[in-house]
mmCIF file of all heavy atoms, coordinates in Angstrom:
data_MODEL
# 
_entry.id   MODEL 
# 
loop_
_atom_site.group_PDB 
_atom_site.id 
_atom_site.type_symbol 
_atom_site.label_atom_id 
_atom_site.label_alt_id 
_atom_site.label_comp_id 
_atom_site.label_asym_id 
_atom_site.label_entity_id 
_atom_site.label_seq_id 
_atom_site.pdbx_PDB_ins_code 
_atom_site.Cartn_x 
_atom_site.Cartn_y 
_atom_site.Cartn_z 
_atom_site.occupancy 
_atom_site.B_iso_or_equiv 
_atom_site.pdbx_formal_charge 
_atom_site.auth_seq_id 
_atom_site.auth_comp_id 
_atom_site.auth_asym_id 
_atom_site.auth_atom_id 
_atom_site.pdbx_PDB_model_num 
ATOM 1   N N   . GLN A 1 1  ? -48.861 26.178 47.431 1.00 0.00 ? 1  GLN A N   1 
ATOM 2   C CA  . GLN A 1 1  ? -50.270 26.496 47.683 1.00 0.00 ? 1  GLN A CA  1 
ATOM 3   C C   . GLN A 1 1  ? -50.470 27.160 49.042 1.00 0.00 ? 1  GLN A C   1 
ATOM 4   O O   . GLN A 1 1  ? -51.215 28.122 49.160 1.00 0.00 ? 1  GLN A O   1 
ATOM 5   C CB  . GLN A 1 1  ? -51.119 25.218 47.594 1.00 0.00 ? 1  GLN A CB  1 
ATOM 6   C CG  . GLN A 1 1  ? -52.591 25.457 47.834 1.00 0.00 ? 1  GLN A CG  1 
ATOM 7   C CD  . GLN A 1 1  ? -53.417 24.190 47.677 1.00 0.00 ? 1  GLN A CD  1 
ATOM 8   O OE1 . GLN A 1 1  ? -53.003 23.236 47.032 1.00 0.00 ? 1  GLN A OE1 1 
ATOM 9   N NE2 . GLN A 1 1  ? -54.595 24.177 48.268 1.00 0.00 ? 1  GLN A NE2 1 
ATOM 10  N N   . LEU A 1 2  ? -49.804 26.632 50.053 1.00 0.00 ? 2  LEU A N   1 
ATOM 11  C CA  . LEU A 1 2  ? -49.987 27.159 51.410 1.00 0.00 ? 2  LEU A CA  1 
ATOM 12  C C   . LEU A 1 2  ? -48.989 28.252 51.768 1.00 0.00 ? 2  LEU A C   1 
ATOM 13  O O   . LEU A 1 2  ? -49.071 28.826 52.854 1.00 0.00 ? 2  LEU A O   1 
ATOM 14  C CB  . LEU A 1 2  ? -49.878 26.018 52.432 1.00 0.00 ? 2  LEU A CB  1 
ATOM 15  C CG  . LEU A 1 2  ? -50.929 24.916 52.310 1.00 0.00 ? 2  LEU A CG  1 
ATOM 16  C CD1 . LEU A 1 2  ? -50.679 23.826 53.352 1.00 0.00 ? 2  LEU A CD1 1 
ATOM 17  C CD2 . LEU A 1 2  ? -52.336 25.477 52.435 1.00 0.00 ? 2  LEU A CD2 1 
ATOM 18  N N   . GLU A 1 3  ? -48.036 28.517 50.856 1.00 0.00 ? 3  GLU A N   1 
ATOM 19  C CA  . GLU A 1 3  ? -47.000 29.514 51.092 1.00 0.00 ? 3  GLU A CA  1 
ATOM 20  C C   . GLU A 1 3  ? -46.252 29.242 52.393 1.00 0.00 ? 3  GLU A C   1 
ATOM 21  O O   . GLU A 1 3  ? -46.055 30.115 53.233 1.00 0.00 ? 3  GLU A O   1 
ATOM 22  C CB  . GLU A 1 3  ? -47.585 30.929 51.058 1.00 0.00 ? 3  GLU A CB  1 
ATOM 23  C CG  . GLU A 1 3  ? -48.193 31.266 49.715 1.00 0.00 ? 3  GLU A CG  1 
ATOM 24  C CD  . GLU A 1 3  ? -48.792 32.657 49.658 1.00 0.00 ? 3  GLU A CD  1 
ATOM 25  O OE1 . GLU A 1 3  ? -48.990 33.283 50.723 1.00 0.00 ? 3  GLU A OE1 1 
ATOM 26  O OE2 . GLU A 1 3  ? -49.056 33.113 48.545 1.00 0.00 ? 3  GLU A OE2 1 
ATOM 27  N N   . ILE A 1 4  ? -45.831 27.978 52.521 1.00 0.00 ? 4  ILE A N   1 
ATOM 28  C CA  . ILE A 1 4  ? -45.061 27.511 53.672 1.00 0.00 ? 4  ILE A CA  1 
ATOM 29  C C   . ILE A 1 4  ? -43.778 26.909 53.109 1.00 0.00 ? 4  ILE A C   1 
ATOM 30  O O   . ILE A 1 4  ? -43.797 26.279 52.050 1.00 0.00 ? 4  ILE A O   1 
ATOM 31  C CB  . ILE A 1 4  ? -45.852 26.458 54.481 1.00 0.00 ? 4  ILE A CB  1 
ATOM 32  C CG1 . ILE A 1 4  ? -47.150 27.070 55.041 1.00 0.00 ? 4  ILE A CG1 1 
ATOM 33  C CG2 . ILE A 1 4  ? -45.009 25.899 55.603 1.00 0.00 ? 4  ILE A CG2 1 
ATOM 34  C CD1 . ILE A 1 4  ? -48.060 26.066 55.721 1.00 0.00 ? 4  ILE A CD1 1 
ATOM 35  N N   . THR A 1 5  ? -42.669 27.085 53.799 1.00 0.00 ? 5  THR A N   1 
ATOM 36  C CA  . THR A 1 5  ? -41.384 26.596 53.295 1.00 0.00 ? 5  THR A CA  1 
ATOM 37  C C   . THR A 1 5  ? -41.397 25.079 53.111 1.00 0.00 ? 5  THR A C   1 
ATOM 38  O O   . THR A 1 5  ? -42.131 24.362 53.809 1.00 0.00 ? 5  THR A O   1 
ATOM 39  C CB  . THR A 1 5  ? -40.234 26.966 54.246 1.00 0.00 ? 5  THR A CB  1 
ATOM 40  O OG1 . THR A 1 5  ? -40.420 26.270 55.484 1.00 0.00 ? 5  THR A OG1 1 
ATOM 41  C CG2 . THR A 1 5  ? -40.162 28.474 54.470 1.00 0.00 ? 5  THR A CG2 1 
ATOM 42  N N   . MET A 1 6  ? -40.563 24.615 52.184 1.00 0.00 ? 6  MET A N   1 
ATOM 43  C CA  . MET A 1 6  ? -40.450 23.174 51.922 1.00 0.00 ? 6  MET A CA  1 
ATOM 44  C C   . MET A 1 6  ? -40.062 22.394 53.188 1.00 0.00 ? 6  MET A C   1 
ATOM 45  O O   . MET A 1 6  ? -40.680 21.363 53.465 1.00 0.00 ? 6  MET A O   1 
ATOM 46  C CB  . MET A 1 6  ? -39.438 22.931 50.801 1.00 0.00 ? 6  MET A CB  1 
ATOM 47  C CG  . MET A 1 6  ? -39.908 23.398 49.438 1.00 0.00 ? 6  MET A CG  1 
ATOM 48  S SD  . MET A 1 6  ? -41.035 22.253 48.674 1.00 0.00 ? 6  MET A SD  1 
ATOM 49  C CE  . MET A 1 6  ? -39.885 20.996 48.188 1.00 0.00 ? 6  MET A CE  1 
ATOM 50  N N   . PRO A 1 7  ? -39.071 22.852 53.971 1.00 0.00 ? 7  PRO A N   1 
ATOM 51  C CA  . PRO A 1 7  ? -38.738 22.087 55.179 1.00 0.00 ? 7  PRO A CA  1 
ATOM 52  C C   . PRO A 1 7  ? -39.918 21.976 56.154 1.00 0.00 ? 7  PRO A C   1 
ATOM 53  O O   . PRO A 1 7  ? -40.118 20.927 56.769 1.00 0.00 ? 7  PRO A O   1 
ATOM 54  C CB  . PRO A 1 7  ? -37.577 22.878 55.794 1.00 0.00 ? 7  PRO A CB  1 
ATOM 55  C CG  . PRO A 1 7  ? -36.963 23.612 54.645 1.00 0.00 ? 7  PRO A CG  1 
ATOM 56  C CD  . PRO A 1 7  ? -38.114 23.942 53.739 1.00 0.00 ? 7  PRO A CD  1 
ATOM 57  N N   . SER A 1 8  ? -40.703 23.040 56.270 1.00 0.00 ? 8  SER A N   1 
ATOM 58  C CA  . SER A 1 8  ? -41.862 22.994 57.176 1.00 0.00 ? 8  SER A CA  1 
ATOM 59  C C   . SER A 1 8  ? -42.903 22.002 56.667 1.00 0.00 ? 8  SER A C   1 
ATOM 60  O O   . SER A 1 8  ? -43.469 21.228 57.447 1.00 0.00 ? 8  SER A O   1 
ATOM 61  C CB  . SER A 1 8  ? -42.489 24.375 57.314 1.00 0.00 ? 8  SER A CB  1 
ATOM 62  O OG  . SER A 1 8  ? -41.609 25.254 57.969 1.00 0.00 ? 8  SER A OG  1 
ATOM 63  N N   . ILE A 1 9  ? -43.170 22.030 55.357 1.00 0.00 ? 9  ILE A N   1 
ATOM 64  C CA  . ILE A 1 9  ? -44.143 21.090 54.788 1.00 0.00 ? 9  ILE A CA  1 
ATOM 65  C C   . ILE A 1 9  ? -43.626 19.666 54.932 1.00 0.00 ? 9  ILE A C   1 
ATOM 66  O O   . ILE A 1 9  ? -44.381 18.751 55.293 1.00 0.00 ? 9  ILE A O   1 
ATOM 67  C CB  . ILE A 1 9  ? -44.433 21.422 53.307 1.00 0.00 ? 9  ILE A CB  1 
ATOM 68  C CG1 . ILE A 1 9  ? -45.204 22.736 53.200 1.00 0.00 ? 9  ILE A CG1 1 
ATOM 69  C CG2 . ILE A 1 9  ? -45.206 20.291 52.626 1.00 0.00 ? 9  ILE A CG2 1 
ATOM 70  C CD1 . ILE A 1 9  ? -46.596 22.707 53.800 1.00 0.00 ? 9  ILE A CD1 1 
ATOM 71  N N   . THR A 1 10 ? -42.350 19.464 54.677 1.00 0.00 ? 10 THR A N   1 
ATOM 72  C CA  . THR A 1 10 ? -41.762 18.122 54.800 1.00 0.00 ? 10 THR A CA  1 
ATOM 73  C C   . THR A 1 10 ? -41.954 17.581 56.208 1.00 0.00 ? 10 THR A C   1 
ATOM 74  O O   . THR A 1 10 ? -42.341 16.423 56.391 1.00 0.00 ? 10 THR A O   1 
ATOM 75  C CB  . THR A 1 10 ? -40.263 18.159 54.423 1.00 0.00 ? 10 THR A CB  1 
ATOM 76  O OG1 . THR A 1 10 ? -40.156 18.589 53.059 1.00 0.00 ? 10 THR A OG1 1 
ATOM 77  C CG2 . THR A 1 10 ? -39.613 16.796 54.586 1.00 0.00 ? 10 THR A CG2 1 
ATOM 78  N N   . LYS A 1 11 ? -41.723 18.425 57.206 1.00 0.00 ? 11 LYS A N   1 
ATOM 79  C CA  . LYS A 1 11 ? -41.900 17.999 58.601 1.00 0.00 ? 11 LYS A CA  1 
ATOM 80  C C   . LYS A 1 11 ? -43.360 17.651 58.876 1.00 0.00 ? 11 LYS A C   1 
ATOM 81  O O   . LYS A 1 11 ? -43.667 16.624 59.487 1.00 0.00 ? 11 LYS A O   1 
ATOM 82  C CB  . LYS A 1 11 ? -41.426 19.101 59.549 1.00 0.00 ? 11 LYS A CB  1 
ATOM 83  C CG  . LYS A 1 11 ? -41.556 18.725 61.011 1.00 0.00 ? 11 LYS A CG  1 
ATOM 84  C CD  . LYS A 1 11 ? -41.028 19.803 61.924 1.00 0.00 ? 11 LYS A CD  1 
ATOM 85  C CE  . LYS A 1 11 ? -41.085 19.296 63.347 1.00 0.00 ? 11 LYS A CE  1 
ATOM 86  N NZ  . LYS A 1 11 ? -41.725 20.163 64.260 1.00 0.00 ? 11 LYS A NZ  1 
ATOM 87  N N   . LEU A 1 12 ? -44.280 18.507 58.417 1.00 0.00 ? 12 LEU A N   1 
ATOM 88  C CA  . LEU A 1 12 ? -45.704 18.238 58.633 1.00 0.00 ? 12 LEU A CA  1 
ATOM 89  C C   . LEU A 1 12 ? -46.134 16.958 57.919 1.00 0.00 ? 12 LEU A C   1 
ATOM 90  O O   . LEU A 1 12 ? -46.911 16.162 58.464 1.00 0.00 ? 12 LEU A O   1 
ATOM 91  C CB  . LEU A 1 12 ? -46.543 19.435 58.167 1.00 0.00 ? 12 LEU A CB  1 
ATOM 92  C CG  . LEU A 1 12 ? -46.408 20.699 59.015 1.00 0.00 ? 12 LEU A CG  1 
ATOM 93  C CD1 . LEU A 1 12 ? -46.980 21.911 58.279 1.00 0.00 ? 12 LEU A CD1 1 
ATOM 94  C CD2 . LEU A 1 12 ? -47.094 20.521 60.360 1.00 0.00 ? 12 LEU A CD2 1 
ATOM 95  N N   . VAL A 1 13 ? -45.625 16.745 56.714 1.00 0.00 ? 13 VAL A N   1 
ATOM 96  C CA  . VAL A 1 13 ? -45.947 15.520 55.962 1.00 0.00 ? 13 VAL A CA  1 
ATOM 97  C C   . VAL A 1 13 ? -45.448 14.297 56.725 1.00 0.00 ? 13 VAL A C   1 
ATOM 98  O O   . VAL A 1 13 ? -46.160 13.292 56.843 1.00 0.00 ? 13 VAL A O   1 
ATOM 99  C CB  . VAL A 1 13 ? -45.361 15.587 54.533 1.00 0.00 ? 13 VAL A CB  1 
ATOM 100 C CG1 . VAL A 1 13 ? -45.309 14.212 53.885 1.00 0.00 ? 13 VAL A CG1 1 
ATOM 101 C CG2 . VAL A 1 13 ? -46.175 16.551 53.676 1.00 0.00 ? 13 VAL A CG2 1 
ATOM 102 N N   . GLN A 1 14 ? -44.240 14.366 57.280 1.00 0.00 ? 14 GLN A N   1 
ATOM 103 C CA  . GLN A 1 14 ? -43.707 13.242 58.056 1.00 0.00 ? 14 GLN A CA  1 
ATOM 104 C C   . GLN A 1 14 ? -44.581 12.958 59.272 1.00 0.00 ? 14 GLN A C   1 
ATOM 105 O O   . GLN A 1 14 ? -44.856 11.794 59.596 1.00 0.00 ? 14 GLN A O   1 
ATOM 106 C CB  . GLN A 1 14 ? -42.273 13.526 58.482 1.00 0.00 ? 14 GLN A CB  1 
ATOM 107 C CG  . GLN A 1 14 ? -41.287 13.477 57.345 1.00 0.00 ? 14 GLN A CG  1 
ATOM 108 C CD  . GLN A 1 14 ? -39.898 13.980 57.729 1.00 0.00 ? 14 GLN A CD  1 
ATOM 109 O OE1 . GLN A 1 14 ? -39.706 14.621 58.771 1.00 0.00 ? 14 GLN A OE1 1 
ATOM 110 N NE2 . GLN A 1 14 ? -38.922 13.692 56.882 1.00 0.00 ? 14 GLN A NE2 1 
ATOM 111 N N   . GLU A 1 15 ? -45.026 14.020 59.943 1.00 0.00 ? 15 GLU A N   1 
ATOM 112 C CA  . GLU A 1 15 ? -45.894 13.844 61.111 1.00 0.00 ? 15 GLU A CA  1 
ATOM 113 C C   . GLU A 1 15 ? -47.216 13.203 60.695 1.00 0.00 ? 15 GLU A C   1 
ATOM 114 O O   . GLU A 1 15 ? -47.696 12.275 61.357 1.00 0.00 ? 15 GLU A O   1 
ATOM 115 C CB  . GLU A 1 15 ? -46.143 15.193 61.786 1.00 0.00 ? 15 GLU A CB  1 
ATOM 116 C CG  . GLU A 1 15 ? -44.909 15.782 62.450 1.00 0.00 ? 15 GLU A CG  1 
ATOM 117 C CD  . GLU A 1 15 ? -45.078 17.218 62.921 1.00 0.00 ? 15 GLU A CD  1 
ATOM 118 O OE1 . GLU A 1 15 ? -46.177 17.808 62.725 1.00 0.00 ? 15 GLU A OE1 1 
ATOM 119 O OE2 . GLU A 1 15 ? -44.110 17.758 63.486 1.00 0.00 ? 15 GLU A OE2 1 
ATOM 120 N N   . LEU A 1 16 ? -47.795 13.685 59.593 1.00 0.00 ? 16 LEU A N   1 
ATOM 121 C CA  . LEU A 1 16 ? -49.072 13.140 59.123 1.00 0.00 ? 16 LEU A CA  1 
ATOM 122 C C   . LEU A 1 16 ? -48.927 11.690 58.663 1.00 0.00 ? 16 LEU A C   1 
ATOM 123 O O   . LEU A 1 16 ? -49.822 10.870 58.879 1.00 0.00 ? 16 LEU A O   1 
ATOM 124 C CB  . LEU A 1 16 ? -49.634 14.014 58.002 1.00 0.00 ? 16 LEU A CB  1 
ATOM 125 C CG  . LEU A 1 16 ? -50.178 15.359 58.466 1.00 0.00 ? 16 LEU A CG  1 
ATOM 126 C CD1 . LEU A 1 16 ? -50.360 16.307 57.288 1.00 0.00 ? 16 LEU A CD1 1 
ATOM 127 C CD2 . LEU A 1 16 ? -51.494 15.175 59.223 1.00 0.00 ? 16 LEU A CD2 1 
ATOM 128 N N   . GLU A 1 17 ? -47.803 11.383 58.053 1.00 0.00 ? 17 GLU A N   1 
ATOM 129 C CA  . GLU A 1 17 ? -47.552 10.002 57.641 1.00 0.00 ? 17 GLU A CA  1 
ATOM 130 C C   . GLU A 1 17 ? -47.462 9.109  58.877 1.00 0.00 ? 17 GLU A C   1 
ATOM 131 O O   . GLU A 1 17 ? -48.023 8.012  58.896 1.00 0.00 ? 17 GLU A O   1 
ATOM 132 C CB  . GLU A 1 17 ? -46.266 9.936  56.818 1.00 0.00 ? 17 GLU A CB  1 
ATOM 133 C CG  . GLU A 1 17 ? -46.015 8.589  56.185 1.00 0.00 ? 17 GLU A CG  1 
ATOM 134 C CD  . GLU A 1 17 ? -44.775 8.571  55.323 1.00 0.00 ? 17 GLU A CD  1 
ATOM 135 O OE1 . GLU A 1 17 ? -43.845 9.382  55.539 1.00 0.00 ? 17 GLU A OE1 1 
ATOM 136 O OE2 . GLU A 1 17 ? -44.729 7.725  54.416 1.00 0.00 ? 17 GLU A OE2 1 
ATOM 137 N N   . GLY A 1 18 ? -46.802 9.595  59.919 1.00 0.00 ? 18 GLY A N   1 
ATOM 138 C CA  . GLY A 1 18 ? -46.698 8.852  61.169 1.00 0.00 ? 18 GLY A CA  1 
ATOM 139 C C   . GLY A 1 18 ? -48.042 8.629  61.846 1.00 0.00 ? 18 GLY A C   1 
ATOM 140 O O   . GLY A 1 18 ? -48.235 7.649  62.559 1.00 0.00 ? 18 GLY A O   1 
ATOM 141 N N   . MET A 1 19 ? -48.978 9.552  61.610 1.00 0.00 ? 19 MET A N   1 
ATOM 142 C CA  . MET A 1 19 ? -50.331 9.426  62.178 1.00 0.00 ? 19 MET A CA  1 
ATOM 143 C C   . MET A 1 19 ? -51.233 8.549  61.306 1.00 0.00 ? 19 MET A C   1 
ATOM 144 O O   . MET A 1 19 ? -52.383 8.315  61.661 1.00 0.00 ? 19 MET A O   1 
ATOM 145 C CB  . MET A 1 19 ? -50.981 10.810 62.288 1.00 0.00 ? 19 MET A CB  1 
ATOM 146 C CG  . MET A 1 19 ? -50.367 11.725 63.280 1.00 0.00 ? 19 MET A CG  1 
ATOM 147 S SD  . MET A 1 19 ? -51.233 13.331 63.198 1.00 0.00 ? 19 MET A SD  1 
ATOM 148 C CE  . MET A 1 19 ? -49.988 14.412 63.799 1.00 0.00 ? 19 MET A CE  1 
ATOM 149 N N   . GLY A 1 20 ? -50.730 8.139  60.161 1.00 0.00 ? 20 GLY A N   1 
ATOM 150 C CA  . GLY A 1 20 ? -51.529 7.310  59.262 1.00 0.00 ? 20 GLY A CA  1 
ATOM 151 C C   . GLY A 1 20 ? -52.524 8.095  58.429 1.00 0.00 ? 20 GLY A C   1 
ATOM 152 O O   . GLY A 1 20 ? -53.474 7.531  57.889 1.00 0.00 ? 20 GLY A O   1 
ATOM 153 N N   . MET A 1 21 ? -52.302 9.410  58.304 1.00 0.00 ? 21 MET A N   1 
ATOM 154 C CA  . MET A 1 21 ? -53.230 10.260 57.557 1.00 0.00 ? 21 MET A CA  1 
ATOM 155 C C   . MET A 1 21 ? -52.907 10.328 56.067 1.00 0.00 ? 21 MET A C   1 
ATOM 156 O O   . MET A 1 21 ? -53.761 10.703 55.266 1.00 0.00 ? 21 MET A O   1 
ATOM 157 C CB  . MET A 1 21 ? -53.233 11.680 58.122 1.00 0.00 ? 21 MET A CB  1 
ATOM 158 C CG  . MET A 1 21 ? -53.715 11.772 59.535 1.00 0.00 ? 21 MET A CG  1 
ATOM 159 S SD  . MET A 1 21 ? -55.476 11.407 59.589 1.00 0.00 ? 21 MET A SD  1 
ATOM 160 C CE  . MET A 1 21 ? -55.719 11.250 61.332 1.00 0.00 ? 21 MET A CE  1 
ATOM 161 N N   . LEU A 1 22 ? -51.673 10.018 55.711 1.00 0.00 ? 22 LEU A N   1 
ATOM 162 C CA  . LEU A 1 22 ? -51.289 10.041 54.303 1.00 0.00 ? 22 LEU A CA  1 
ATOM 163 C C   . LEU A 1 22 ? -50.213 9.006  54.062 1.00 0.00 ? 22 LEU A C   1 
ATOM 164 O O   . LEU A 1 22 ? -49.594 8.496  54.988 1.00 0.00 ? 22 LEU A O   1 
ATOM 165 C CB  . LEU A 1 22 ? -50.828 11.435 53.858 1.00 0.00 ? 22 LEU A CB  1 
ATOM 166 C CG  . LEU A 1 22 ? -49.604 12.046 54.524 1.00 0.00 ? 22 LEU A CG  1 
ATOM 167 C CD1 . LEU A 1 22 ? -48.313 11.582 53.853 1.00 0.00 ? 22 LEU A CD1 1 
ATOM 168 C CD2 . LEU A 1 22 ? -49.691 13.554 54.463 1.00 0.00 ? 22 LEU A CD2 1 
ATOM 169 N N   . LYS A 1 23 ? -50.036 8.696  52.782 1.00 0.00 ? 23 LYS A N   1 
ATOM 170 C CA  . LYS A 1 23 ? -48.930 7.828  52.396 1.00 0.00 ? 23 LYS A CA  1 
ATOM 171 C C   . LYS A 1 23 ? -48.126 8.532  51.321 1.00 0.00 ? 23 LYS A C   1 
ATOM 172 O O   . LYS A 1 23 ? -48.652 9.363  50.572 1.00 0.00 ? 23 LYS A O   1 
ATOM 173 C CB  . LYS A 1 23 ? -49.421 6.464  51.913 1.00 0.00 ? 23 LYS A CB  1 
ATOM 174 C CG  . LYS A 1 23 ? -50.278 6.501  50.689 1.00 0.00 ? 23 LYS A CG  1 
ATOM 175 C CD  . LYS A 1 23 ? -50.742 5.116  50.289 1.00 0.00 ? 23 LYS A CD  1 
ATOM 176 C CE  . LYS A 1 23 ? -51.593 5.232  49.032 1.00 0.00 ? 23 LYS A CE  1 
ATOM 177 N NZ  . LYS A 1 23 ? -51.964 3.974  48.491 1.00 0.00 ? 23 LYS A NZ  1 
ATOM 178 N N   . LYS A 1 24 ? -46.846 8.224  51.317 1.00 0.00 ? 24 LYS A N   1 
ATOM 179 C CA  . LYS A 1 24 ? -45.903 8.842  50.399 1.00 0.00 ? 24 LYS A CA  1 
ATOM 180 C C   . LYS A 1 24 ? -45.370 7.759  49.470 1.00 0.00 ? 24 LYS A C   1 
ATOM 181 O O   . LYS A 1 24 ? -45.027 6.670  49.917 1.00 0.00 ? 24 LYS A O   1 
ATOM 182 C CB  . LYS A 1 24 ? -44.740 9.423  51.214 1.00 0.00 ? 24 LYS A CB  1 
ATOM 183 C CG  . LYS A 1 24 ? -44.387 10.800 50.919 1.00 0.00 ? 24 LYS A CG  1 
ATOM 184 C CD  . LYS A 1 24 ? -43.347 11.433 51.811 1.00 0.00 ? 24 LYS A CD  1 
ATOM 185 C CE  . LYS A 1 24 ? -42.427 10.572 52.586 1.00 0.00 ? 24 LYS A CE  1 
ATOM 186 N NZ  . LYS A 1 24 ? -41.406 11.323 53.310 1.00 0.00 ? 24 LYS A NZ  1 
ATOM 187 N N   . GLU A 1 25 ? -45.297 8.089  48.184 1.00 0.00 ? 25 GLU A N   1 
ATOM 188 C CA  . GLU A 1 25 ? -44.700 7.176  47.216 1.00 0.00 ? 25 GLU A CA  1 
ATOM 189 C C   . GLU A 1 25 ? -43.674 7.951  46.415 1.00 0.00 ? 25 GLU A C   1 
ATOM 190 O O   . GLU A 1 25 ? -43.953 9.055  45.943 1.00 0.00 ? 25 GLU A O   1 
ATOM 191 C CB  . GLU A 1 25 ? -45.760 6.600  46.279 1.00 0.00 ? 25 GLU A CB  1 
ATOM 192 C CG  . GLU A 1 25 ? -46.739 5.672  46.949 1.00 0.00 ? 25 GLU A CG  1 
ATOM 193 C CD  . GLU A 1 25 ? -47.782 5.116  45.994 1.00 0.00 ? 25 GLU A CD  1 
ATOM 194 O OE1 . GLU A 1 25 ? -47.659 5.303  44.765 1.00 0.00 ? 25 GLU A OE1 1 
ATOM 195 O OE2 . GLU A 1 25 ? -48.731 4.494  46.487 1.00 0.00 ? 25 GLU A OE2 1 
ATOM 196 N N   . THR A 1 26 ? -42.497 7.363  46.245 1.00 0.00 ? 26 THR A N   1 
ATOM 197 C CA  . THR A 1 26 ? -41.433 8.009  45.485 1.00 0.00 ? 26 THR A CA  1 
ATOM 198 C C   . THR A 1 26 ? -41.694 7.845  43.995 1.00 0.00 ? 26 THR A C   1 
ATOM 199 O O   . THR A 1 26 ? -42.076 6.756  43.542 1.00 0.00 ? 26 THR A O   1 
ATOM 200 C CB  . THR A 1 26 ? -40.067 7.393  45.854 1.00 0.00 ? 26 THR A CB  1 
ATOM 201 O OG1 . THR A 1 26 ? -39.888 7.534  47.260 1.00 0.00 ? 26 THR A OG1 1 
ATOM 202 C CG2 . THR A 1 26 ? -38.930 8.096  45.135 1.00 0.00 ? 26 THR A CG2 1 
ATOM 203 N N   . ASP A 1 27 ? -41.502 8.905  43.250 1.00 0.00 ? 27 ASP A N   1 
ATOM 204 C CA  . ASP A 1 27 ? -41.654 8.878  41.795 1.00 0.00 ? 27 ASP A CA  1 
ATOM 205 C C   . ASP A 1 27 ? -40.555 7.986  41.224 1.00 0.00 ? 27 ASP A C   1 
ATOM 206 O O   . ASP A 1 27 ? -39.370 8.249  41.435 1.00 0.00 ? 27 ASP A O   1 
ATOM 207 C CB  . ASP A 1 27 ? -41.527 10.305 41.244 1.00 0.00 ? 27 ASP A CB  1 
ATOM 208 C CG  . ASP A 1 27 ? -41.713 10.410 39.741 1.00 0.00 ? 27 ASP A CG  1 
ATOM 209 O OD1 . ASP A 1 27 ? -41.787 9.357  39.061 1.00 0.00 ? 27 ASP A OD1 1 
ATOM 210 O OD2 . ASP A 1 27 ? -41.789 11.546 39.250 1.00 0.00 ? 27 ASP A OD2 1 
ATOM 211 N N   . PRO A 1 28 ? -40.932 6.918  40.502 1.00 0.00 ? 28 PRO A N   1 
ATOM 212 C CA  . PRO A 1 28 ? -39.907 6.025  39.957 1.00 0.00 ? 28 PRO A CA  1 
ATOM 213 C C   . PRO A 1 28 ? -39.005 6.707  38.921 1.00 0.00 ? 28 PRO A C   1 
ATOM 214 O O   . PRO A 1 28 ? -37.873 6.297  38.710 1.00 0.00 ? 28 PRO A O   1 
ATOM 215 C CB  . PRO A 1 28 ? -40.704 4.890  39.324 1.00 0.00 ? 28 PRO A CB  1 
ATOM 216 C CG  . PRO A 1 28 ? -42.104 5.383  39.209 1.00 0.00 ? 28 PRO A CG  1 
ATOM 217 C CD  . PRO A 1 28 ? -42.275 6.489  40.202 1.00 0.00 ? 28 PRO A CD  1 
ATOM 218 N N   . LYS A 1 29 ? -39.479 7.789  38.297 1.00 0.00 ? 29 LYS A N   1 
ATOM 219 C CA  . LYS A 1 29 ? -38.695 8.504  37.287 1.00 0.00 ? 29 LYS A CA  1 
ATOM 220 C C   . LYS A 1 29 ? -37.736 9.511  37.905 1.00 0.00 ? 29 LYS A C   1 
ATOM 221 O O   . LYS A 1 29 ? -36.725 9.849  37.319 1.00 0.00 ? 29 LYS A O   1 
ATOM 222 C CB  . LYS A 1 29 ? -39.628 9.228  36.306 1.00 0.00 ? 29 LYS A CB  1 
ATOM 223 C CG  . LYS A 1 29 ? -40.502 8.289  35.504 1.00 0.00 ? 29 LYS A CG  1 
ATOM 224 C CD  . LYS A 1 29 ? -41.468 9.072  34.655 1.00 0.00 ? 29 LYS A CD  1 
ATOM 225 C CE  . LYS A 1 29 ? -42.465 8.139  33.989 1.00 0.00 ? 29 LYS A CE  1 
ATOM 226 N NZ  . LYS A 1 29 ? -43.531 8.874  33.330 1.00 0.00 ? 29 LYS A NZ  1 
# 
């Protein structure tokens, strides 16, 4: 959607998770 590389999004997601802005759940499948 944002046309940003997966590694860049992964890093931003980790930062946001650390800030308490989002939570991540692993797909059990």
